[in-house]
Structure formats: structure tokens, C-alpha cells
Protein backbone atom coordinates (compact mmCIF):
# COMPACT_ATOMS: atom_id res chain seq x y z
CA MET A 1 -3.83 -26.07 19.29
CA GLY A 2 -2.85 -22.97 18.45
CA ALA A 3 -4.92 -20.17 16.63
CA ARG A 4 -7.80 -21.04 14.01
CA ILE A 5 -8.29 -19.31 11.24
CA GLY A 6 -10.89 -19.62 8.37
CA VAL A 7 -10.19 -19.46 5.00
CA ILE A 8 -12.96 -18.97 2.26
CA VAL A 9 -13.27 -21.14 -0.92
CA PHE A 10 -15.29 -19.92 -3.72
CA PRO A 11 -16.02 -21.41 -6.82
CA GLY A 12 -12.54 -20.65 -9.27
CA SER A 13 -10.23 -20.10 -5.88
CA ASN A 14 -7.27 -21.57 -6.31
CA CYS A 15 -4.81 -20.05 -3.62
CA ASP A 16 -7.15 -21.53 -0.32
CA ARG A 17 -5.00 -24.26 0.39
CA ASP A 18 -1.40 -22.36 -0.43
CA ALA A 19 -2.84 -19.80 2.80
CA ALA A 20 -3.97 -22.87 4.59
CA CYS A 21 -0.97 -24.55 4.41
CA ALA A 22 1.35 -21.53 5.12
CA TRP A 23 -0.60 -20.81 8.72
CA GLU A 24 -0.02 -24.65 9.63
CA GLU A 25 3.03 -25.48 8.05
CA ALA A 26 4.35 -22.27 9.98
CA GLY A 27 2.82 -23.97 13.51
CA PHE A 28 0.65 -21.04 14.24
CA GLY A 29 -2.44 -23.02 14.51
CA ASP A 30 -5.30 -25.41 12.40
CA VAL A 31 -7.25 -23.84 9.64
CA ARG A 32 -11.44 -24.14 8.69
CA MET A 33 -11.90 -24.26 5.21
CA LEU A 34 -15.50 -21.98 4.56
CA TRP A 35 -17.62 -22.41 1.66
CA HIS A 36 -18.65 -19.35 -0.05
CA ARG A 37 -22.14 -20.41 0.57
CA ASP A 38 -21.67 -20.76 4.20
CA THR A 39 -23.21 -18.03 6.56
CA ASP A 40 -21.40 -18.92 9.72
CA LEU A 41 -17.86 -18.77 10.47
CA GLY A 42 -17.87 -20.60 13.58
CA ASP A 43 -14.95 -20.64 16.15
CA VAL A 44 -12.05 -18.78 13.98
CA GLY A 45 -10.32 -15.99 15.21
CA ALA A 46 -9.39 -14.30 11.67
CA VAL A 47 -10.40 -15.01 8.03
CA VAL A 48 -8.01 -15.42 4.79
CA VAL A 49 -9.95 -14.06 1.48
CA PRO A 50 -7.63 -16.19 -0.80
CA GLY A 51 -6.18 -15.87 -3.97
CA GLY A 52 -7.51 -16.88 -7.39
CA PHE A 53 -10.12 -16.55 -9.72
CA SER A 54 -13.59 -16.71 -7.83
CA TYR A 55 -16.64 -16.97 -10.35
CA GLY A 56 -14.36 -17.11 -13.41
CA ASP A 57 -13.52 -13.70 -12.95
CA ALA A 58 -17.02 -12.85 -14.84
CA LEU A 59 -18.16 -9.35 -15.10
CA ARG A 60 -14.94 -8.41 -13.41
CA ALA A 61 -12.61 -9.84 -10.47
CA GLY A 62 -14.65 -10.32 -7.12
CA ALA A 63 -18.18 -8.85 -8.52
CA ILE A 64 -19.86 -11.80 -7.90
CA ALA A 65 -18.07 -12.73 -5.27
CA ARG A 66 -18.87 -9.56 -3.11
CA PHE A 67 -22.69 -11.63 -2.74
CA SER A 68 -21.72 -14.62 -1.66
CA PRO A 69 -23.63 -15.52 1.76
CA VAL A 70 -20.30 -15.84 3.41
CA MET A 71 -19.28 -12.21 2.89
CA GLU A 72 -22.33 -10.89 4.77
CA ALA A 73 -20.42 -13.00 8.02
CA VAL A 74 -17.35 -11.41 6.73
CA ALA A 75 -18.20 -7.82 6.70
CA ALA A 76 -20.07 -8.36 10.10
CA PHE A 77 -16.94 -9.92 11.68
CA ALA A 78 -14.45 -6.85 10.38
CA ALA A 79 -16.94 -4.78 11.63
CA GLU A 80 -16.70 -6.19 15.32
CA GLY A 81 -13.06 -5.71 14.71
CA GLY A 82 -12.29 -9.02 13.41
CA PRO A 83 -8.84 -9.51 11.26
CA VAL A 84 -9.58 -9.85 8.03
CA LEU A 85 -6.68 -10.18 5.12
CA GLY A 86 -7.90 -10.38 1.43
CA ILE A 87 -4.94 -11.58 -0.61
CA CYS A 88 -4.62 -10.87 -4.60
CA ASN A 89 -8.34 -11.90 -5.77
CA GLY A 90 -9.37 -11.42 -2.03
CA PHE A 91 -8.34 -7.83 -2.28
CA GLN A 92 -10.47 -7.55 -5.26
CA ILE A 93 -13.42 -9.12 -3.36
CA LEU A 94 -12.96 -7.20 -0.09
CA CYS A 95 -13.29 -3.74 -2.23
CA GLU A 96 -15.96 -5.05 -4.35
CA SER A 97 -17.63 -5.36 -0.90
CA GLY A 98 -16.71 -2.12 0.49
CA LEU A 99 -14.50 -3.45 3.22
CA LEU A 100 -11.92 -1.13 1.62
CA PRO A 101 -12.13 1.40 -0.56
CA GLY A 102 -11.19 2.23 -4.32
CA ALA A 103 -10.73 -0.74 -6.91
CA LEU A 104 -8.52 -3.09 -8.60
CA ALA A 105 -8.48 -2.65 -12.56
CA ARG A 106 -6.86 -4.22 -14.90
CA ASN A 107 -2.76 -3.96 -15.25
CA GLU A 108 -1.43 -1.09 -17.32
CA GLY A 109 0.55 -3.63 -19.54
CA LEU A 110 -3.29 -5.33 -20.02
CA ARG A 111 -1.21 -8.49 -19.70
CA PHE A 112 -1.17 -11.52 -16.75
CA VAL A 113 2.48 -10.19 -14.76
CA CYS A 114 3.31 -13.75 -12.41
CA ARG A 115 6.95 -12.76 -11.02
CA PRO A 116 8.51 -11.39 -7.61
CA VAL A 117 8.86 -8.37 -7.04
CA SER A 118 10.11 -5.77 -4.48
CA LEU A 119 7.61 -3.75 -1.80
CA GLU A 120 8.13 -1.12 0.62
CA VAL A 121 6.57 -1.82 3.71
CA ALA A 122 4.37 2.11 4.11
CA THR A 123 3.41 1.48 8.01
CA THR A 124 3.50 -0.52 10.50
CA HIS A 125 0.28 0.78 11.87
CA SER A 126 -2.00 -2.30 11.78
CA PRO A 127 -1.84 -5.74 14.08
CA PHE A 128 -0.74 -7.12 10.45
CA LEU A 129 2.09 -5.10 9.54
CA ALA A 130 3.64 -4.90 13.41
CA ARG A 131 6.16 -7.39 12.84
CA TYR A 132 7.65 -5.00 9.96
CA ALA A 133 9.96 -2.18 10.07
CA LYS A 134 8.31 1.01 8.30
CA GLY A 135 10.56 1.43 4.81
CA GLN A 136 11.85 -2.46 5.07
CA ARG A 137 12.05 -4.08 1.73
CA LEU A 138 10.38 -7.44 1.09
CA GLN A 139 10.42 -10.01 -1.98
CA VAL A 140 6.81 -11.03 -2.35
CA PRO A 141 5.13 -12.26 -5.98
CA ILE A 142 2.79 -11.44 -7.64
CA ALA A 143 0.15 -13.62 -10.13
CA HIS A 144 -2.49 -10.88 -11.32
CA GLY A 145 -4.31 -9.56 -14.82
CA GLU A 146 -6.49 -6.98 -12.67
CA GLY A 147 -3.81 -5.48 -9.82
CA ARG A 148 -3.96 -1.72 -10.73
CA TYR A 149 -4.72 -0.50 -7.30
CA VAL A 150 -7.43 3.15 -8.63
CA CYS A 151 -9.38 5.27 -6.24
CA ASP A 152 -10.50 8.83 -6.75
CA ASP A 153 -8.81 11.83 -5.06
CA ALA A 154 -10.54 12.02 -2.43
CA THR A 155 -10.27 8.20 -1.19
CA TYR A 156 -6.52 8.79 -1.65
CA ALA A 157 -5.85 11.99 0.15
CA ARG A 158 -7.86 9.95 3.19
CA LEU A 159 -5.29 7.18 2.63
CA VAL A 160 -2.50 9.06 2.96
CA GLU A 161 -3.84 11.23 5.80
CA GLU A 162 -4.62 8.61 7.90
CA ASP A 163 -1.32 6.33 6.96
CA ARG A 164 -3.55 3.55 5.51
CA ILE A 165 -1.72 2.63 2.73
CA ALA A 166 0.48 -0.69 3.90
CA PHE A 167 2.71 -1.70 1.13
CA ARG A 168 3.99 0.05 -2.37
CA TYR A 169 5.63 -1.56 -4.56
CA ALA A 170 9.18 -0.52 -4.22
CA ASP A 171 11.90 2.03 -6.68
CA SER A 172 8.66 3.15 -8.78
CA VAL A 173 9.02 -0.26 -10.55
CA ASP A 174 5.30 -0.88 -10.41
CA PRO A 175 3.77 -4.07 -12.34
CA ASN A 176 0.77 -3.20 -12.57
CA GLY A 177 0.65 1.00 -12.62
CA SER A 178 -1.14 1.25 -9.47
CA ARG A 179 -1.83 4.74 -8.16
CA ASP A 180 1.06 5.91 -6.07
CA HIS A 181 2.68 2.48 -6.94
CA ILE A 182 -0.16 1.22 -3.90
CA ALA A 183 -0.02 -2.61 -3.44
CA GLY A 184 -1.83 -2.87 -0.34
CA ILE A 185 -4.30 -1.21 1.96
CA VAL A 186 -5.42 -1.47 5.56
CA GLY A 187 -9.25 -0.29 6.97
CA GLY A 188 -11.54 -1.24 9.31
CA PRO A 189 -12.48 0.01 12.77
CA ARG A 190 -8.98 -1.10 14.47
CA ARG A 191 -7.42 -1.04 10.88
CA ASN A 192 -8.31 -5.10 11.49
CA VAL A 193 -8.84 -5.40 7.47
CA LEU A 194 -5.66 -5.71 5.06
CA GLY A 195 -6.04 -5.94 1.39
CA MET A 196 -3.07 -6.90 -0.39
CA MET A 197 -2.21 -7.72 -4.44
CA PRO A 198 1.08 -9.52 -3.59
CA HIS A 199 0.90 -13.22 -2.25
CA PRO A 200 2.60 -13.73 1.28
CA GLU A 201 1.35 -17.20 1.65
CA ARG A 202 3.97 -18.17 -1.03
CA ALA A 203 6.82 -16.13 0.70
CA MET A 204 7.00 -18.53 4.27
CA LYS A 205 10.55 -20.20 3.45
CA PRO A 206 13.94 -19.54 1.90
CA GLU A 207 13.70 -22.18 -0.19
CA LEU A 208 10.57 -20.46 -1.91
CA GLY A 209 12.60 -17.51 -2.65
CA SER A 210 11.48 -15.23 0.17
CA SER A 211 10.35 -16.04 3.58
CA ASP A 212 9.25 -12.08 3.74
CA GLY A 213 5.60 -13.09 4.31
CA TRP A 214 5.79 -15.03 7.27
CA PRO A 215 6.21 -12.10 9.54
CA LEU A 216 2.71 -10.82 8.24
CA PHE A 217 1.18 -14.13 9.09
CA ALA A 218 2.86 -14.04 12.97
CA GLY A 219 2.21 -10.82 13.44
CA LEU A 220 -1.94 -12.04 12.94
CA ARG A 221 -1.38 -14.69 15.35
CA ASP A 222 0.22 -12.58 17.56
CA LEU A 223 -2.72 -10.35 17.40
CA MET A 224 -5.18 -13.82 17.90
CA GLU A 225 -3.00 -14.97 20.92
CA SER A 226 -3.67 -11.60 22.43
CA ALA A 227 -7.25 -11.63 22.02
CA ALA A 228 -7.65 -14.92 23.24
CA SER A 229 -5.57 -14.04 26.56
CA ALA A 230 -7.94 -11.01 27.39
CA THR A 231 -10.75 -13.03 27.13
CA ALA A 232 -9.48 -16.09 29.02
């Protein structure tokens, strides 16, 4: 059967099936689709908070989704060391929920940006990133209008000091004006929470233009299998 992940579905999610297909078609395991009103995650070994426009981005991206019943279960799961991946709108939701610091604001150019971008792996100090090399360049697509990562000086200093910046937009080509070109960060008690604006689930095969997202999901699979072996 392999490893089972949970993918949350909010009203307005549009990348939930992308994430599920990426996991299943890679042969990593199966998927439980979790509705936003669910309060029990079931037997999943990891959670993906996908991209899209939860609740139509009313107020601001992720601001309403943070109050969904399922997010209480996700917060408890993360606090116990469970792996949680937030992609695009999922990153916004994790920040709004307090599971990651900072916030995602409107793109500097005030326009929706949808195209492949170059990323640089800034750290491998997270189970999600273990199959990458620090400094490795990746090609991963983005699709967002509110992807500009912002935080106060104290938060930024802590991210740098604790080596929690996961990805930066490479070559100073920043599509949204994020602080220090930040494209993703890690958090959680075991560095088990990753939020990122680019879409690794859309970069799983060369036929899609890039397979650079595959190692991220493979690293998650490795973590889940290791945890399963430890409790067997």
C-alpha cells in the first residue's frame, strides 16, 4: 500500500487533486482527501495543505481557511511532529494559522504571476529537503497573486539564525518582491512543517517541464517509512 497522506479540500481549493495525483502516480502510496469540516485526520502519516483559492480568498488569502475545523487537527498533528506541507495557498494558510511565521502579501507588481521559476535550495535541514543538495538549482512553477513573503526584522533574523529558509528565488529574479527572495520556510518542533509558494506537485515528471519536485515528495515518503519502521 505504501505511505498514506491526507490532502485537505477547502471550498475553492484547485490543487488538491494535483497533489493527490503527484503522490499516487509516483507510487509513494495512497491518499485520503480531508474535507475542511473534518476534525479527525485518520491514519495519515502526513498532511498536504494544497494550493487554490480557499473561500475565494475573501478578506485575504488563507484568512478564513485558518478557522476551518480541520486546521485544529492539523495544528495538533504538527505540534506532535507530524509532517505538514503547505503549497501556495497552503503556505498562506499555515502562516495565517500561526504554524509558520510571517505572512504572504500581494505581489509587488500587483499582478497574478504564473510561470516556471528558478529556485535555490537554501537548507537541507528538514526531512522534506533531505534529497536535495544545499545550493541546488530547481525549476518549479508558480501561480499566485499574493506570494510576497513579509516578516518583521526579528522574525527574519530568527529564520536566518535557525537556518529555516528552505528556498529562495534564484539569481535575484524575484517574481513577487519577497523579503530576501524567500520562496519557502520550515518550522515546527522537528522542522516538520514546510510552506512554499512554488508548486512541486506540478514538477514531478520531465514531460511536465521539470521533475525537480519529485525529491521533495520522495523525502516525505522516506520520513513516513522511517517513522513506520520505528513503531513496527
